[in-house]
Amino acid sequence: MLEVKTLDKPDERRDFPRGHLEAVHMTDLDFAVATFEPGWRWTESVAPIAGTDTCQMHHNGYVLQGRMRIRMDDGGEIEVGPGDVYVVSPGHDAWVVGDEQAVVYDFQGQTARDFAKT
């Protein structure tokens, strides 16, 4: 199988308070570029849409710009910034650190299709 799509023509865009994502959906991969403005926090911006207290998605990501803090439900916490590649299990909160917007690439199987979806 060969499959190619371009982010210049995403399959969808999802807007949520203080951010948005643009995604392409492929056979075994969802790829999204998420932009989070200063002040964005998952529990404030996406939890009301998701209907859960914390994010229940698995994320494989790469930070292109800005900084984010991620806190797991068990209390573990990290900060990621430009050039960092990360894996985050379900059960976490995340927020932008500082005054610069955060831009992240998110690589998922088809499970990402429901992130911030109304």
PDB file of N, CA and C in Angstrom:
ATOM      1  N   MET A   1       0.841  -1.176   0.000  1.00  0.00           N
ATOM      2  CA  MET A   1       0.000   0.000   0.000  1.00  0.00           C
ATOM      3  C   MET A   1       0.888   1.242   0.000  1.00  0.00           C
ATOM      4  N   LEU A   2       0.489   2.203  -0.768  1.00  0.00           N
ATOM      5  CA  LEU A   2       1.110   3.524  -0.759  1.00  0.00           C
ATOM      6  C   LEU A   2       0.010   4.554  -0.538  1.00  0.00           C
ATOM      7  N   GLU A   3       0.264   5.492   0.338  1.00  0.00           N
ATOM      8  CA  GLU A   3      -0.739   6.506   0.639  1.00  0.00           C
ATOM      9  C   GLU A   3      -0.028   7.802   0.992  1.00  0.00           C
ATOM     10  N   VAL A   4      -0.456   8.902   0.389  1.00  0.00           N
ATOM     11  CA  VAL A   4       0.158  10.204   0.650  1.00  0.00           C
ATOM     12  C   VAL A   4      -0.945  11.252   0.765  1.00  0.00           C
ATOM     13  N   LYS A   5      -0.816  12.099   1.759  1.00  0.00           N
ATOM     14  CA  LYS A   5      -1.710  13.248   1.911  1.00  0.00           C
ATOM     15  C   LYS A   5      -0.846  14.444   2.282  1.00  0.00           C
ATOM     16  N   THR A   6      -1.411  15.631   2.144  1.00  0.00           N
ATOM     17  CA  THR A   6      -0.675  16.837   2.488  1.00  0.00           C
ATOM     18  C   THR A   6      -1.402  17.616   3.577  1.00  0.00           C
ATOM     19  N   LEU A   7      -0.633  18.222   4.458  1.00  0.00           N
ATOM     20  CA  LEU A   7      -1.227  19.062   5.502  1.00  0.00           C
ATOM     21  C   LEU A   7      -1.773  20.365   4.928  1.00  0.00           C
ATOM     22  N   ASP A   8      -1.395  20.674   3.680  1.00  0.00           N
ATOM     23  CA  ASP A   8      -1.963  21.857   3.022  1.00  0.00           C
ATOM     24  C   ASP A   8      -3.462  21.689   2.794  1.00  0.00           C
ATOM     25  N   LYS A   9      -3.918  20.430   2.771  1.00  0.00           N
ATOM     26  CA  LYS A   9      -5.341  20.129   2.595  1.00  0.00           C
ATOM     27  C   LYS A   9      -5.745  19.081   3.626  1.00  0.00           C
ATOM     28  N   PRO A  10      -5.842  19.481   4.911  1.00  0.00           N
ATOM     29  CA  PRO A  10      -6.184  18.506   5.945  1.00  0.00           C
ATOM     30  C   PRO A  10      -7.588  17.944   5.736  1.00  0.00           C
ATOM     31  N   ASP A  11      -7.800  16.744   6.221  1.00  0.00           N
ATOM     32  CA  ASP A  11      -9.118  16.126   6.146  1.00  0.00           C
ATOM     33  C   ASP A  11     -10.111  16.837   7.068  1.00  0.00           C
ATOM     34  N   GLU A  12      -9.608  17.379   8.149  1.00  0.00           N
ATOM     35  CA  GLU A  12     -10.494  18.104   9.052  1.00  0.00           C
ATOM     36  C   GLU A  12      -9.711  19.065   9.939  1.00  0.00           C
ATOM     37  N   ARG A  13     -10.449  20.021  10.453  1.00  0.00           N
ATOM     38  CA  ARG A  13      -9.927  20.968  11.436  1.00  0.00           C
ATOM     39  C   ARG A  13     -10.902  20.960  12.601  1.00  0.00           C
ATOM     40  N   ARG A  14     -10.348  20.887  13.797  1.00  0.00           N
ATOM     41  CA  ARG A  14     -11.168  20.960  15.006  1.00  0.00           C
ATOM     42  C   ARG A  14     -10.722  22.173  15.810  1.00  0.00           C
ATOM     43  N   ASP A  15     -11.667  23.031  16.105  1.00  0.00           N
ATOM     44  CA  ASP A  15     -11.398  24.204  16.923  1.00  0.00           C
ATOM     45  C   ASP A  15     -11.927  23.956  18.331  1.00  0.00           C
ATOM     46  N   PHE A  16     -11.174  24.405  19.309  1.00  0.00           N
ATOM     47  CA  PHE A  16     -11.590  24.329  20.705  1.00  0.00           C
ATOM     48  C   PHE A  16     -11.029  25.563  21.392  1.00  0.00           C
ATOM     49  N   PRO A  17     -11.492  25.907  22.578  1.00  0.00           N
ATOM     50  CA  PRO A  17     -11.003  27.124  23.231  1.00  0.00           C
ATOM     51  C   PRO A  17      -9.472  27.174  23.299  1.00  0.00           C
ATOM     52  N   ARG A  18      -8.924  28.272  22.824  1.00  0.00           N
ATOM     53  CA  ARG A  18      -7.477  28.545  22.828  1.00  0.00           C
ATOM     54  C   ARG A  18      -6.652  27.562  22.009  1.00  0.00           C
ATOM     55  N   GLY A  19      -7.249  26.964  20.988  1.00  0.00           N
ATOM     56  CA  GLY A  19      -6.455  26.076  20.158  1.00  0.00           C
ATOM     57  C   GLY A  19      -7.250  25.435  19.034  1.00  0.00           C
ATOM     58  N   HIS A  20      -6.521  24.686  18.219  1.00  0.00           N
ATOM     59  CA  HIS A  20      -7.135  23.924  17.135  1.00  0.00           C
ATOM     60  C   HIS A  20      -6.174  22.837  16.686  1.00  0.00           C
ATOM     61  N   LEU A  21      -6.703  21.888  15.943  1.00  0.00           N
ATOM     62  CA  LEU A  21      -5.837  20.900  15.304  1.00  0.00           C
ATOM     63  C   LEU A  21      -6.313  20.686  13.887  1.00  0.00           C
ATOM     64  N   GLU A  22      -5.368  20.348  13.042  1.00  0.00           N
ATOM     65  CA  GLU A  22      -5.639  19.984  11.659  1.00  0.00           C
ATOM     66  C   GLU A  22      -5.097  18.580  11.464  1.00  0.00           C
ATOM     67  N   ALA A  23      -5.924  17.708  10.882  1.00  0.00           N
ATOM     68  CA  ALA A  23      -5.551  16.298  10.810  1.00  0.00           C
ATOM     69  C   ALA A  23      -5.746  15.726   9.417  1.00  0.00           C
ATOM     70  N   VAL A  24      -4.883  14.775   9.099  1.00  0.00           N
ATOM     71  CA  VAL A  24      -5.068  13.936   7.925  1.00  0.00           C
ATOM     72  C   VAL A  24      -5.290  12.516   8.442  1.00  0.00           C
ATOM     73  N   HIS A  25      -6.231  11.826   7.828  1.00  0.00           N
ATOM     74  CA  HIS A  25      -6.577  10.463   8.227  1.00  0.00           C
ATOM     75  C   HIS A  25      -6.165   9.517   7.109  1.00  0.00           C
ATOM     76  N   MET A  26      -5.347   8.555   7.493  1.00  0.00           N
ATOM     77  CA  MET A  26      -4.875   7.572   6.533  1.00  0.00           C
ATOM     78  C   MET A  26      -5.287   6.186   7.028  1.00  0.00           C
ATOM     79  N   THR A  27      -4.981   5.163   6.277  1.00  0.00           N
ATOM     80  CA  THR A  27      -5.435   3.821   6.608  1.00  0.00           C
ATOM     81  C   THR A  27      -5.064   3.409   8.030  1.00  0.00           C
ATOM     82  N   ASP A  28      -3.809   3.507   8.415  1.00  0.00           N
ATOM     83  CA  ASP A  28      -3.380   3.082   9.747  1.00  0.00           C
ATOM     84  C   ASP A  28      -2.740   4.212  10.540  1.00  0.00           C
ATOM     85  N   LEU A  29      -3.006   5.450  10.157  1.00  0.00           N
ATOM     86  CA  LEU A  29      -2.356   6.577  10.829  1.00  0.00           C
ATOM     87  C   LEU A  29      -3.231   7.810  10.779  1.00  0.00           C
ATOM     88  N   ASP A  30      -3.350   8.456  11.921  1.00  0.00           N
ATOM     89  CA  ASP A  30      -3.890   9.809  11.988  1.00  0.00           C
ATOM     90  C   ASP A  30      -2.717  10.695  12.361  1.00  0.00           C
ATOM     91  N   PHE A  31      -2.522  11.748  11.586  1.00  0.00           N
ATOM     92  CA  PHE A  31      -1.446  12.695  11.864  1.00  0.00           C
ATOM     93  C   PHE A  31      -2.096  14.055  12.054  1.00  0.00           C
ATOM     94  N   ALA A  32      -1.784  14.697  13.178  1.00  0.00           N
ATOM     95  CA  ALA A  32      -2.386  15.998  13.463  1.00  0.00           C
ATOM     96  C   ALA A  32      -1.315  17.003  13.842  1.00  0.00           C
ATOM     97  N   VAL A  33      -1.564  18.240  13.448  1.00  0.00           N
ATOM     98  CA  VAL A  33      -0.775  19.371  13.917  1.00  0.00           C
ATOM     99  C   VAL A  33      -1.698  20.133  14.853  1.00  0.00           C
ATOM    100  N   ALA A  34      -1.317  20.206  16.116  1.00  0.00           N
ATOM    101  CA  ALA A  34      -2.136  20.900  17.112  1.00  0.00           C
ATOM    102  C   ALA A  34      -1.442  22.191  17.513  1.00  0.00           C
ATOM    103  N   THR A  35      -2.223  23.255  17.573  1.00  0.00           N
ATOM    104  CA  THR A  35      -1.718  24.558  17.987  1.00  0.00           C
ATOM    105  C   THR A  35      -2.467  24.966  19.244  1.00  0.00           C
ATOM    106  N   PHE A  36      -1.706  25.238  20.302  1.00  0.00           N
ATOM    107  CA  PHE A  36      -2.279  25.622  21.591  1.00  0.00           C
ATOM    108  C   PHE A  36      -1.773  27.009  21.952  1.00  0.00           C
ATOM    109  N   GLU A  37      -2.688  27.921  22.229  1.00  0.00           N
ATOM    110  CA  GLU A  37      -2.330  29.294  22.579  1.00  0.00           C
ATOM    111  C   GLU A  37      -1.927  29.380  24.047  1.00  0.00           C
ATOM    112  N   PRO A  38      -1.157  30.415  24.420  1.00  0.00           N
ATOM    113  CA  PRO A  38      -0.850  30.615  25.841  1.00  0.00           C
ATOM    114  C   PRO A  38      -2.145  30.612  26.653  1.00  0.00           C
ATOM    115  N   GLY A  39      -2.124  29.947  27.787  1.00  0.00           N
ATOM    116  CA  GLY A  39      -3.310  29.831  28.620  1.00  0.00           C
ATOM    117  C   GLY A  39      -4.126  28.577  28.362  1.00  0.00           C
ATOM    118  N   TRP A  40      -3.804  27.839  27.269  1.00  0.00           N
ATOM    119  CA  TRP A  40      -4.534  26.605  26.987  1.00  0.00           C
ATOM    120  C   TRP A  40      -4.204  25.562  28.043  1.00  0.00           C
ATOM    121  N   ARG A  41      -5.230  24.863  28.491  1.00  0.00           N
ATOM    122  CA  ARG A  41      -5.065  23.734  29.403  1.00  0.00           C
ATOM    123  C   ARG A  41      -6.126  22.702  29.043  1.00  0.00           C
ATOM    124  N   TRP A  42      -5.722  21.446  28.970  1.00  0.00           N
ATOM    125  CA  TRP A  42      -6.640  20.394  28.560  1.00  0.00           C
ATOM    126  C   TRP A  42      -7.889  20.374  29.424  1.00  0.00           C
ATOM    127  N   THR A  43      -7.727  20.416  30.756  1.00  0.00           N
ATOM    128  CA  THR A  43      -8.873  20.301  31.655  1.00  0.00           C
ATOM    129  C   THR A  43      -9.859  21.454  31.497  1.00  0.00           C
ATOM    130  N   GLU A  44      -9.421  22.579  30.962  1.00  0.00           N
ATOM    131  CA  GLU A  44     -10.309  23.721  30.768  1.00  0.00           C
ATOM    132  C   GLU A  44     -10.843  23.800  29.337  1.00  0.00           C
ATOM    133  N   SER A  45     -10.024  23.450  28.356  1.00  0.00           N
ATOM    134  CA  SER A  45     -10.384  23.643  26.956  1.00  0.00           C
ATOM    135  C   SER A  45     -10.988  22.414  26.281  1.00  0.00           C
ATOM    136  N   VAL A  46     -10.582  21.233  26.692  1.00  0.00           N
ATOM    137  CA  VAL A  46     -11.020  20.025  25.999  1.00  0.00           C
ATOM    138  C   VAL A  46     -11.874  19.111  26.877  1.00  0.00           C
ATOM    139  N   ALA A  47     -11.662  19.108  28.180  1.00  0.00           N
ATOM    140  CA  ALA A  47     -12.440  18.229  29.068  1.00  0.00           C
ATOM    141  C   ALA A  47     -13.948  18.388  28.883  1.00  0.00           C
ATOM    142  N   PRO A  48     -14.457  19.627  28.742  1.00  0.00           N
ATOM    143  CA  PRO A  48     -15.903  19.748  28.536  1.00  0.00           C
ATOM    144  C   PRO A  48     -16.377  19.087  27.232  1.00  0.00           C
ATOM    145  N   ILE A  49     -15.520  19.029  26.238  1.00  0.00           N
ATOM    146  CA  ILE A  49     -15.861  18.383  24.966  1.00  0.00           C
ATOM    147  C   ILE A  49     -15.745  16.863  25.105  1.00  0.00           C
ATOM    148  N   ALA A  50     -14.659  16.415  25.752  1.00  0.00           N
ATOM    149  CA  ALA A  50     -14.394  14.977  25.879  1.00  0.00           C
ATOM    150  C   ALA A  50     -15.307  14.303  26.901  1.00  0.00           C
ATOM    151  N   GLY A  51     -15.723  15.057  27.921  1.00  0.00           N
ATOM    152  CA  GLY A  51     -16.569  14.486  28.955  1.00  0.00           C
ATOM    153  C   GLY A  51     -15.825  13.619  29.951  1.00  0.00           C
ATOM    154  N   THR A  52     -14.496  13.811  30.048  1.00  0.00           N
ATOM    155  CA  THR A  52     -13.693  13.084  31.029  1.00  0.00           C
ATOM    156  C   THR A  52     -12.896  14.093  31.847  1.00  0.00           C
ATOM    157  N   ASP A  53     -12.474  13.681  33.040  1.00  0.00           N
ATOM    158  CA  ASP A  53     -11.717  14.587  33.912  1.00  0.00           C
ATOM    159  C   ASP A  53     -10.320  14.862  33.388  1.00  0.00           C
ATOM    160  N   THR A  54      -9.706  13.857  32.780  1.00  0.00           N
ATOM    161  CA  THR A  54      -8.377  14.016  32.191  1.00  0.00           C
ATOM    162  C   THR A  54      -8.378  13.377  30.812  1.00  0.00           C
ATOM    163  N   CYS A  55      -7.343  13.648  30.031  1.00  0.00           N
ATOM    164  CA  CYS A  55      -7.257  13.126  28.670  1.00  0.00           C
ATOM    165  C   CYS A  55      -7.052  11.611  28.709  1.00  0.00           C
ATOM    166  N   GLN A  56      -7.887  10.908  27.982  1.00  0.00           N
ATOM    167  CA  GLN A  56      -7.817   9.450  27.947  1.00  0.00           C
ATOM    168  C   GLN A  56      -7.263   8.930  26.617  1.00  0.00           C
ATOM    169  N   MET A  57      -6.556   9.797  25.896  1.00  0.00           N
ATOM    170  CA  MET A  57      -5.924   9.411  24.630  1.00  0.00           C
ATOM    171  C   MET A  57      -4.452   9.073  24.867  1.00  0.00           C
ATOM    172  N   HIS A  58      -3.938   8.161  24.070  1.00  0.00           N
ATOM    173  CA  HIS A  58      -2.505   7.877  24.025  1.00  0.00           C
ATOM    174  C   HIS A  58      -1.899   8.811  22.974  1.00  0.00           C
ATOM    175  N   HIS A  59      -0.792   9.463  23.305  1.00  0.00           N
ATOM    176  CA  HIS A  59      -0.160  10.386  22.362  1.00  0.00           C
ATOM    177  C   HIS A  59       1.281   9.987  22.075  1.00  0.00           C
ATOM    178  N   ASN A  60       1.631  10.003  20.793  1.00  0.00           N
ATOM    179  CA  ASN A  60       3.011   9.936  20.327  1.00  0.00           C
ATOM    180  C   ASN A  60       3.234  11.286  19.680  1.00  0.00           C
ATOM    181  N   GLY A  61       4.134  12.078  20.215  1.00  0.00           N
ATOM    182  CA  GLY A  61       4.225  13.439  19.724  1.00  0.00           C
ATOM    183  C   GLY A  61       5.626  13.968  19.528  1.00  0.00           C
ATOM    184  N   TYR A  62       5.671  15.119  18.865  1.00  0.00           N
ATOM    185  CA  TYR A  62       6.902  15.863  18.616  1.00  0.00           C
ATOM    186  C   TYR A  62       6.559  17.339  18.794  1.00  0.00           C
ATOM    187  N   VAL A  63       7.364  18.042  19.594  1.00  0.00           N
ATOM    188  CA  VAL A  63       7.124  19.468  19.831  1.00  0.00           C
ATOM    189  C   VAL A  63       7.912  20.276  18.809  1.00  0.00           C
ATOM    190  N   LEU A  64       7.186  21.031  18.014  1.00  0.00           N
ATOM    191  CA  LEU A  64       7.804  21.892  17.017  1.00  0.00           C
ATOM    192  C   LEU A  64       8.146  23.254  17.610  1.00  0.00           C
ATOM    193  N   GLN A  65       7.257  23.774  18.469  1.00  0.00           N
ATOM    194  CA  GLN A  65       7.414  25.130  18.999  1.00  0.00           C
ATOM    195  C   GLN A  65       6.737  25.221  20.361  1.00  0.00           C
ATOM    196  N   GLY A  66       7.282  26.038  21.245  1.00  0.00           N
ATOM    197  CA  GLY A  66       6.668  26.285  22.545  1.00  0.00           C
ATOM    198  C   GLY A  66       6.982  25.204  23.551  1.00  0.00           C
ATOM    199  N   ARG A  67       6.366  25.352  24.724  1.00  0.00           N
ATOM    200  CA  ARG A  67       6.591  24.405  25.809  1.00  0.00           C
ATOM    201  C   ARG A  67       5.255  23.981  26.398  1.00  0.00           C
ATOM    202  N   MET A  68       5.210  22.714  26.813  1.00  0.00           N
ATOM    203  CA  MET A  68       4.020  22.177  27.468  1.00  0.00           C
ATOM    204  C   MET A  68       4.428  21.371  28.684  1.00  0.00           C
ATOM    205  N   ARG A  69       3.594  21.407  29.690  1.00  0.00           N
ATOM    206  CA  ARG A  69       3.763  20.600  30.893  1.00  0.00           C
ATOM    207  C   ARG A  69       2.684  19.520  30.839  1.00  0.00           C
ATOM    208  N   ILE A  70       3.049  18.302  31.217  1.00  0.00           N
ATOM    209  CA  ILE A  70       2.124  17.174  31.200  1.00  0.00           C
ATOM    210  C   ILE A  70       2.172  16.520  32.578  1.00  0.00           C
ATOM    211  N   ARG A  71       0.987  16.353  33.177  1.00  0.00           N
ATOM    212  CA  ARG A  71       0.893  15.707  34.487  1.00  0.00           C
ATOM    213  C   ARG A  71      -0.012  14.488  34.373  1.00  0.00           C
ATOM    214  N   MET A  72       0.548  13.349  34.764  1.00  0.00           N
ATOM    215  CA  MET A  72      -0.202  12.097  34.740  1.00  0.00           C
ATOM    216  C   MET A  72      -1.132  12.029  35.953  1.00  0.00           C
ATOM    217  N   ASP A  73      -2.175  11.226  35.839  1.00  0.00           N
ATOM    218  CA  ASP A  73      -3.103  11.048  36.954  1.00  0.00           C
ATOM    219  C   ASP A  73      -2.405  10.510  38.200  1.00  0.00           C
ATOM    220  N   ASP A  74      -1.313   9.771  38.011  1.00  0.00           N
ATOM    221  CA  ASP A  74      -0.587   9.225  39.162  1.00  0.00           C
ATOM    222  C   ASP A  74       0.396  10.223  39.772  1.00  0.00           C
ATOM    223  N   GLY A  75       0.449  11.456  39.231  1.00  0.00           N
ATOM    224  CA  GLY A  75       1.311  12.497  39.789  1.00  0.00           C
ATOM    225  C   GLY A  75       2.605  12.716  39.033  1.00  0.00           C
ATOM    226  N   GLY A  76       2.999  11.803  38.161  1.00  0.00           N
ATOM    227  CA  GLY A  76       4.203  11.993  37.362  1.00  0.00           C
ATOM    228  C   GLY A  76       4.040  13.225  36.470  1.00  0.00           C
ATOM    229  N   GLU A  77       5.132  13.957  36.282  1.00  0.00           N
ATOM    230  CA  GLU A  77       5.038  15.213  35.544  1.00  0.00           C
ATOM    231  C   GLU A  77       6.317  15.465  34.750  1.00  0.00           C
ATOM    232  N   ILE A  78       6.153  15.990  33.515  1.00  0.00           N
ATOM    233  CA  ILE A  78       7.301  16.358  32.688  1.00  0.00           C
ATOM    234  C   ILE A  78       6.980  17.657  31.951  1.00  0.00           C
ATOM    235  N   GLU A  79       8.019  18.281  31.444  1.00  0.00           N
ATOM    236  CA  GLU A  79       7.850  19.429  30.560  1.00  0.00           C
ATOM    237  C   GLU A  79       8.547  19.100  29.250  1.00  0.00           C
ATOM    238  N   VAL A  80       7.887  19.418  28.141  1.00  0.00           N
ATOM    239  CA  VAL A  80       8.452  19.158  26.824  1.00  0.00           C
ATOM    240  C   VAL A  80       8.574  20.463  26.061  1.00  0.00           C
ATOM    241  N   GLY A  81       9.579  20.516  25.179  1.00  0.00           N
ATOM    242  CA  GLY A  81       9.808  21.713  24.390  1.00  0.00           C
ATOM    243  C   GLY A  81      10.306  21.362  23.005  1.00  0.00           C
ATOM    244  N   PRO A  82      10.693  22.366  22.226  1.00  0.00           N
ATOM    245  CA  PRO A  82      11.085  22.167  20.832  1.00  0.00           C
ATOM    246  C   PRO A  82      12.121  21.047  20.665  1.00  0.00           C
ATOM    247  N   GLY A  83      11.823  20.149  19.730  1.00  0.00           N
ATOM    248  CA  GLY A  83      12.724  19.039  19.443  1.00  0.00           C
ATOM    249  C   GLY A  83      12.467  17.796  20.261  1.00  0.00           C
ATOM    250  N   ASP A  84      11.609  17.881  21.292  1.00  0.00           N
ATOM    251  CA  ASP A  84      11.324  16.719  22.130  1.00  0.00           C
ATOM    252  C   ASP A  84      10.314  15.799  21.451  1.00  0.00           C
ATOM    253  N   VAL A  85      10.593  14.509  21.538  1.00  0.00           N
ATOM    254  CA  VAL A  85       9.679  13.461  21.098  1.00  0.00           C
ATOM    255  C   VAL A  85       9.154  12.805  22.367  1.00  0.00           C
ATOM    256  N   TYR A  86       7.844  12.565  22.442  1.00  0.00           N
ATOM    257  CA  TYR A  86       7.280  12.042  23.685  1.00  0.00           C
ATOM    258  C   TYR A  86       6.199  11.005  23.421  1.00  0.00           C
ATOM    259  N   VAL A  87       5.998  10.182  24.438  1.00  0.00           N
ATOM    260  CA  VAL A  87       4.902   9.224  24.479  1.00  0.00           C
ATOM    261  C   VAL A  87       4.183   9.468  25.797  1.00  0.00           C
ATOM    262  N   VAL A  88       2.864   9.649  25.734  1.00  0.00           N
ATOM    263  CA  VAL A  88       2.066   9.901  26.929  1.00  0.00           C
ATOM    264  C   VAL A  88       0.890   8.935  26.929  1.00  0.00           C
ATOM    265  N   SER A  89       0.756   8.196  28.012  1.00  0.00           N
ATOM    266  CA  SER A  89      -0.346   7.244  28.154  1.00  0.00           C
ATOM    267  C   SER A  89      -1.638   7.965  28.524  1.00  0.00           C
ATOM    268  N   PRO A  90      -2.768   7.293  28.354  1.00  0.00           N
ATOM    269  CA  PRO A  90      -4.036   7.878  28.787  1.00  0.00           C
ATOM    270  C   PRO A  90      -4.002   8.201  30.277  1.00  0.00           C
ATOM    271  N   GLY A  91      -4.760   9.244  30.648  1.00  0.00           N
ATOM    272  CA  GLY A  91      -4.845   9.642  32.051  1.00  0.00           C
ATOM    273  C   GLY A  91      -3.885  10.768  32.368  1.00  0.00           C
ATOM    274  N   HIS A  92      -4.069  11.928  31.723  1.00  0.00           N
ATOM    275  CA  HIS A  92      -3.164  13.050  31.946  1.00  0.00           C
ATOM    276  C   HIS A  92      -3.856  14.383  31.679  1.00  0.00           C
ATOM    277  N   ASP A  93      -3.236  15.423  32.189  1.00  0.00           N
ATOM    278  CA  ASP A  93      -3.607  16.801  31.886  1.00  0.00           C
ATOM    279  C   ASP A  93      -2.387  17.409  31.204  1.00  0.00           C
ATOM    280  N   ALA A  94      -2.576  18.471  30.444  1.00  0.00           N
ATOM    281  CA  ALA A  94      -1.457  19.152  29.782  1.00  0.00           C
ATOM    282  C   ALA A  94      -1.813  20.617  29.647  1.00  0.00           C
ATOM    283  N   TRP A  95      -0.775  21.479  29.654  1.00  0.00           N
ATOM    284  CA  TRP A  95      -1.012  22.908  29.496  1.00  0.00           C
ATOM    285  C   TRP A  95       0.207  23.593  28.896  1.00  0.00           C
ATOM    286  N   VAL A  96      -0.040  24.730  28.274  1.00  0.00           N
ATOM    287  CA  VAL A  96       1.033  25.537  27.680  1.00  0.00           C
ATOM    288  C   VAL A  96       1.771  26.247  28.803  1.00  0.00           C
ATOM    289  N   VAL A  97       3.090  26.244  28.695  1.00  0.00           N
ATOM    290  CA  VAL A  97       3.948  26.945  29.641  1.00  0.00           C
ATOM    291  C   VAL A  97       4.482  28.199  28.955  1.00  0.00           C
ATOM    292  N   GLY A  98       4.310  29.347  29.585  1.00  0.00           N
ATOM    293  CA  GLY A  98       4.864  30.583  29.051  1.00  0.00           C
ATOM    294  C   GLY A  98       3.916  31.311  28.113  1.00  0.00           C
ATOM    295  N   ASP A  99       4.486  32.282  27.412  1.00  0.00           N
ATOM    296  CA  ASP A  99       3.705  33.187  26.570  1.00  0.00           C
ATOM    297  C   ASP A  99       3.777  32.867  25.082  1.00  0.00           C
ATOM    298  N   GLU A 100       4.385  31.739  24.725  1.00  0.00           N
ATOM    299  CA  GLU A 100       4.495  31.358  23.317  1.00  0.00           C
ATOM    300  C   GLU A 100       3.517  30.218  23.026  1.00  0.00           C
ATOM    301  N   GLN A 101       2.869  30.262  21.869  1.00  0.00           N
ATOM    302  CA  GLN A 101       1.990  29.159  21.517  1.00  0.00           C
ATOM    303  C   GLN A 101       2.811  27.893  21.346  1.00  0.00           C
ATOM    304  N   ALA A 102       2.189  26.768  21.647  1.00  0.00           N
ATOM    305  CA  ALA A 102       2.830  25.469  21.464  1.00  0.00           C
ATOM    306  C   ALA A 102       2.247  24.829  20.201  1.00  0.00           C
ATOM    307  N   VAL A 103       3.130  24.287  19.375  1.00  0.00           N
ATOM    308  CA  VAL A 103       2.724  23.570  18.172  1.00  0.00           C
ATOM    309  C   VAL A 103       3.322  22.175  18.267  1.00  0.00           C
ATOM    310  N   VAL A 104       2.460  21.166  18.223  1.00  0.00           N
ATOM    311  CA  VAL A 104       2.928  19.787  18.349  1.00  0.00           C
ATOM    312  C   VAL A 104       2.391  18.944  17.196  1.00  0.00           C
ATOM    313  N   TYR A 105       3.180  17.961  16.814  1.00  0.00           N
ATOM    314  CA  TYR A 105       2.756  16.949  15.853  1.00  0.00           C
ATOM    315  C   TYR A 105       2.333  15.740  16.672  1.00  0.00           C
ATOM    316  N   ASP A 106       1.211  15.146  16.314  1.00  0.00           N
ATOM    317  CA  ASP A 106       0.715  13.986  17.025  1.00  0.00           C
ATOM    318  C   ASP A 106       0.521  12.857  16.017  1.00  0.00           C
ATOM    319  N   PHE A 107       1.178  11.734  16.252  1.00  0.00           N
ATOM    320  CA  PHE A 107       1.115  10.565  15.373  1.00  0.00           C
ATOM    321  C   PHE A 107       0.330   9.483  16.102  1.00  0.00           C
ATOM    322  N   GLN A 108      -0.754   9.040  15.528  1.00  0.00           N
ATOM    323  CA  GLN A 108      -1.591   8.051  16.210  1.00  0.00           C
ATOM    324  C   GLN A 108      -2.072   6.997  15.250  1.00  0.00           C
ATOM    325  N   GLY A 109      -2.507   5.895  15.857  1.00  0.00           N
ATOM    326  CA  GLY A 109      -3.356   4.985  15.109  1.00  0.00           C
ATOM    327  C   GLY A 109      -4.712   5.674  15.001  1.00  0.00           C
ATOM    328  N   GLN A 110      -5.705   4.989  14.629  1.00  0.00           N
ATOM    329  CA  GLN A 110      -7.005   5.603  14.407  1.00  0.00           C
ATOM    330  C   GLN A 110      -7.661   6.116  15.682  1.00  0.00           C
ATOM    331  N   THR A 111      -7.105   5.861  16.851  1.00  0.00           N
ATOM    332  CA  THR A 111      -7.719   6.280  18.117  1.00  0.00           C
ATOM    333  C   THR A 111      -7.789   7.809  18.248  1.00  0.00           C
ATOM    334  N   ALA A 112      -6.945   8.561  17.562  1.00  0.00           N
ATOM    335  CA  ALA A 112      -6.934  10.013  17.695  1.00  0.00           C
ATOM    336  C   ALA A 112      -8.122  10.676  17.017  1.00  0.00           C
ATOM    337  N   ARG A 113      -8.899   9.940  16.308  1.00  0.00           N
ATOM    338  CA  ARG A 113     -10.001  10.540  15.559  1.00  0.00           C
ATOM    339  C   ARG A 113     -11.072  11.169  16.441  1.00  0.00           C
ATOM    340  N   ASP A 114     -11.055  10.870  17.740  1.00  0.00           N
ATOM    341  CA  ASP A 114     -12.069  11.425  18.624  1.00  0.00           C
ATOM    342  C   ASP A 114     -11.551  12.551  19.517  1.00  0.00           C
ATOM    343  N   PHE A 115     -10.281  12.934  19.421  1.00  0.00           N
ATOM    344  CA  PHE A 115      -9.741  13.996  20.283  1.00  0.00           C
ATOM    345  C   PHE A 115     -10.431  15.311  19.985  1.00  0.00           C
ATOM    346  N   ALA A 116     -10.971  15.954  21.017  1.00  0.00           N
ATOM    347  CA  ALA A 116     -11.619  17.268  20.921  1.00  0.00           C
ATOM    348  C   ALA A 116     -12.723  17.298  19.870  1.00  0.00           C
ATOM    349  N   LYS A 117     -13.422  16.199  19.764  1.00  0.00           N
ATOM    350  CA  LYS A 117     -14.495  16.106  18.772  1.00  0.00           C
ATOM    351  C   LYS A 117     -15.841  16.215  19.459  1.00  0.00           C
ATOM    352  N   THR A 118     -16.665  17.091  18.940  1.00  0.00           N
ATOM    353  CA  THR A 118     -18.000  17.264  19.542  1.00  0.00           C
ATOM    354  C   THR A 118     -19.006  16.352  18.889  1.00  0.00           C
TER     355      THR A 118
END
